[in-house]
Amino acid sequence: MNVTSSPSTSDPSPAHPPAMPENCELFTLPRAAAQLSISKRTLERLIAGGVFPPPLKIGRSSRVLRTDITSYLDQLCRERGDQRGSS
């Protein structure tokens, strides 16, 4: 009997999902607010007022991109005339 059953090397489902690029890191609203040193409610007001970008919706969850936090902080520093990262 000649059975040629070998495990497939081109398995379409990898054992580990691909790593997410750094700029796609997601934060919950409380964690994003903590990164900004503000309350979650203040972050919600900034979002509602159009000052901060709207979060991504994943099901019922809201997530904020790391790049949105960084961009918002850069904008605040530009408005003040500061250079972010310098002391």
C-alpha atoms as a PDB file:
ATOM      1  CA  MET A   1       0.000   0.000   0.000  1.00  0.00           C
ATOM      2  CA  ASN A   2       1.479   3.317  -1.069  1.00  0.00           C
ATOM      3  CA  VAL A   3       0.015   6.185   0.960  1.00  0.00           C
ATOM      4  CA  THR A   4       1.600   9.566   0.442  1.00  0.00           C
ATOM      5  CA  SER A   5       0.135  11.536   3.254  1.00  0.00           C
ATOM      6  CA  SER A   6       2.487  14.196   4.480  1.00  0.00           C
ATOM      7  CA  PRO A   7       1.747  17.258   6.571  1.00  0.00           C
ATOM      8  CA  SER A   8       1.150  20.326   4.491  1.00  0.00           C
ATOM      9  CA  THR A   9       3.946  22.873   4.654  1.00  0.00           C
ATOM     10  CA  SER A  10       1.789  25.654   3.286  1.00  0.00           C
ATOM     11  CA  ASP A  11      -0.705  25.799   6.157  1.00  0.00           C
ATOM     12  CA  PRO A  12      -2.788  28.966   5.595  1.00  0.00           C
ATOM     13  CA  SER A  13      -3.331  29.493   9.348  1.00  0.00           C
ATOM     14  CA  PRO A  14      -0.033  30.379  11.045  1.00  0.00           C
ATOM     15  CA  ALA A  15       0.584  29.278  14.624  1.00  0.00           C
ATOM     16  CA  HIS A  16       1.036  32.929  15.636  1.00  0.00           C
ATOM     17  CA  PRO A  17      -0.721  35.902  14.110  1.00  0.00           C
ATOM     18  CA  PRO A  18       1.564  38.327  12.287  1.00  0.00           C
ATOM     19  CA  ALA A  19       3.058  41.047  14.451  1.00  0.00           C
ATOM     20  CA  MET A  20       1.187  44.332  14.327  1.00  0.00           C
ATOM     21  CA  PRO A  21       3.206  47.314  13.139  1.00  0.00           C
ATOM     22  CA  GLU A  22       4.144  49.705  15.943  1.00  0.00           C
ATOM     23  CA  ASN A  23       1.955  52.466  14.546  1.00  0.00           C
ATOM     24  CA  CYS A  24      -1.106  50.199  14.844  1.00  0.00           C
ATOM     25  CA  GLU A  25      -0.852  49.710  18.596  1.00  0.00           C
ATOM     26  CA  LEU A  26      -4.286  50.131  20.150  1.00  0.00           C
ATOM     27  CA  PHE A  27      -5.208  51.539  23.560  1.00  0.00           C
ATOM     28  CA  THR A  28      -8.463  51.363  25.492  1.00  0.00           C
ATOM     29  CA  LEU A  29      -9.971  54.764  26.327  1.00  0.00           C
ATOM     30  CA  PRO A  30      -8.847  54.570  29.994  1.00  0.00           C
ATOM     31  CA  ARG A  31      -5.289  53.636  28.953  1.00  0.00           C
ATOM     32  CA  ALA A  32      -5.198  56.358  26.266  1.00  0.00           C
ATOM     33  CA  ALA A  33      -6.419  58.897  28.828  1.00  0.00           C
ATOM     34  CA  ALA A  34      -3.696  57.764  31.233  1.00  0.00           C
ATOM     35  CA  GLN A  35      -1.086  58.226  28.480  1.00  0.00           C
ATOM     36  CA  LEU A  36      -2.340  61.803  28.086  1.00  0.00           C
ATOM     37  CA  SER A  37      -2.538  62.357  31.889  1.00  0.00           C
ATOM     38  CA  ILE A  38      -6.231  63.216  31.672  1.00  0.00           C
ATOM     39  CA  SER A  39      -9.411  61.497  32.802  1.00  0.00           C
ATOM     40  CA  LYS A  40     -11.355  59.151  30.550  1.00  0.00           C
ATOM     41  CA  ARG A  41     -14.263  61.614  30.644  1.00  0.00           C
ATOM     42  CA  THR A  42     -12.014  64.470  29.473  1.00  0.00           C
ATOM     43  CA  LEU A  43     -10.810  62.285  26.585  1.00  0.00           C
ATOM     44  CA  GLU A  44     -14.437  61.517  25.702  1.00  0.00           C
ATOM     45  CA  ARG A  45     -15.177  65.263  25.649  1.00  0.00           C
ATOM     46  CA  LEU A  46     -12.175  65.945  23.411  1.00  0.00           C
ATOM     47  CA  ILE A  47     -13.403  63.238  21.018  1.00  0.00           C
ATOM     48  CA  ALA A  48     -17.002  64.537  21.065  1.00  0.00           C
ATOM     49  CA  GLY A  49     -15.756  68.082  20.425  1.00  0.00           C
ATOM     50  CA  GLY A  50     -13.664  66.998  17.443  1.00  0.00           C
ATOM     51  CA  VAL A  51     -10.407  67.998  19.145  1.00  0.00           C
ATOM     52  CA  PHE A  52      -9.137  64.398  19.370  1.00  0.00           C
ATOM     53  CA  PRO A  53      -9.596  61.849  16.539  1.00  0.00           C
ATOM     54  CA  PRO A  54     -12.509  59.433  16.946  1.00  0.00           C
ATOM     55  CA  PRO A  55     -11.560  55.994  18.258  1.00  0.00           C
ATOM     56  CA  LEU A  56     -11.739  52.811  16.219  1.00  0.00           C
ATOM     57  CA  LYS A  57     -14.758  50.668  16.993  1.00  0.00           C
ATOM     58  CA  ILE A  58     -14.144  46.945  17.314  1.00  0.00           C
ATOM     59  CA  GLY A  59     -17.480  45.410  18.147  1.00  0.00           C
ATOM     60  CA  ARG A  60     -18.681  47.440  21.110  1.00  0.00           C
ATOM     61  CA  SER A  61     -15.148  48.362  22.150  1.00  0.00           C
ATOM     62  CA  SER A  62     -13.453  51.663  21.386  1.00  0.00           C
ATOM     63  CA  ARG A  63      -9.714  51.747  20.787  1.00  0.00           C
ATOM     64  CA  VAL A  64      -7.348  54.657  20.225  1.00  0.00           C
ATOM     65  CA  LEU A  65      -4.324  54.386  17.946  1.00  0.00           C
ATOM     66  CA  ARG A  66      -0.932  55.180  19.435  1.00  0.00           C
ATOM     67  CA  THR A  67      -0.303  57.469  16.454  1.00  0.00           C
ATOM     68  CA  ASP A  68      -3.419  59.507  17.355  1.00  0.00           C
ATOM     69  CA  ILE A  69      -2.065  60.049  20.871  1.00  0.00           C
ATOM     70  CA  THR A  70       1.365  61.012  19.548  1.00  0.00           C
ATOM     71  CA  SER A  71      -0.105  63.357  16.922  1.00  0.00           C
ATOM     72  CA  TYR A  72      -2.323  65.043  19.510  1.00  0.00           C
ATOM     73  CA  LEU A  73       0.640  65.611  21.844  1.00  0.00           C
ATOM     74  CA  ASP A  74       2.741  66.957  18.950  1.00  0.00           C
ATOM     75  CA  GLN A  75      -0.078  69.357  18.048  1.00  0.00           C
ATOM     76  CA  LEU A  76      -0.306  70.621  21.646  1.00  0.00           C
ATOM     77  CA  CYS A  77       3.447  71.194  21.724  1.00  0.00           C
ATOM     78  CA  ARG A  78       3.372  73.077  18.393  1.00  0.00           C
ATOM     79  CA  GLU A  79       0.588  75.303  19.700  1.00  0.00           C
ATOM     80  CA  ARG A  80       2.755  76.155  22.713  1.00  0.00           C
ATOM     81  CA  GLY A  81       5.874  76.539  20.591  1.00  0.00           C
ATOM     82  CA  ASP A  82       7.613  73.655  22.366  1.00  0.00           C
ATOM     83  CA  GLN A  83       9.765  71.005  20.810  1.00  0.00           C
ATOM     84  CA  ARG A  84       8.536  67.601  21.963  1.00  0.00           C
ATOM     85  CA  GLY A  85      11.234  65.390  23.438  1.00  0.00           C
ATOM     86  CA  SER A  86      13.613  68.208  24.362  1.00  0.00           C
ATOM     87  CA  SER A  87      14.237  69.206  27.943  1.00  0.00           C
END
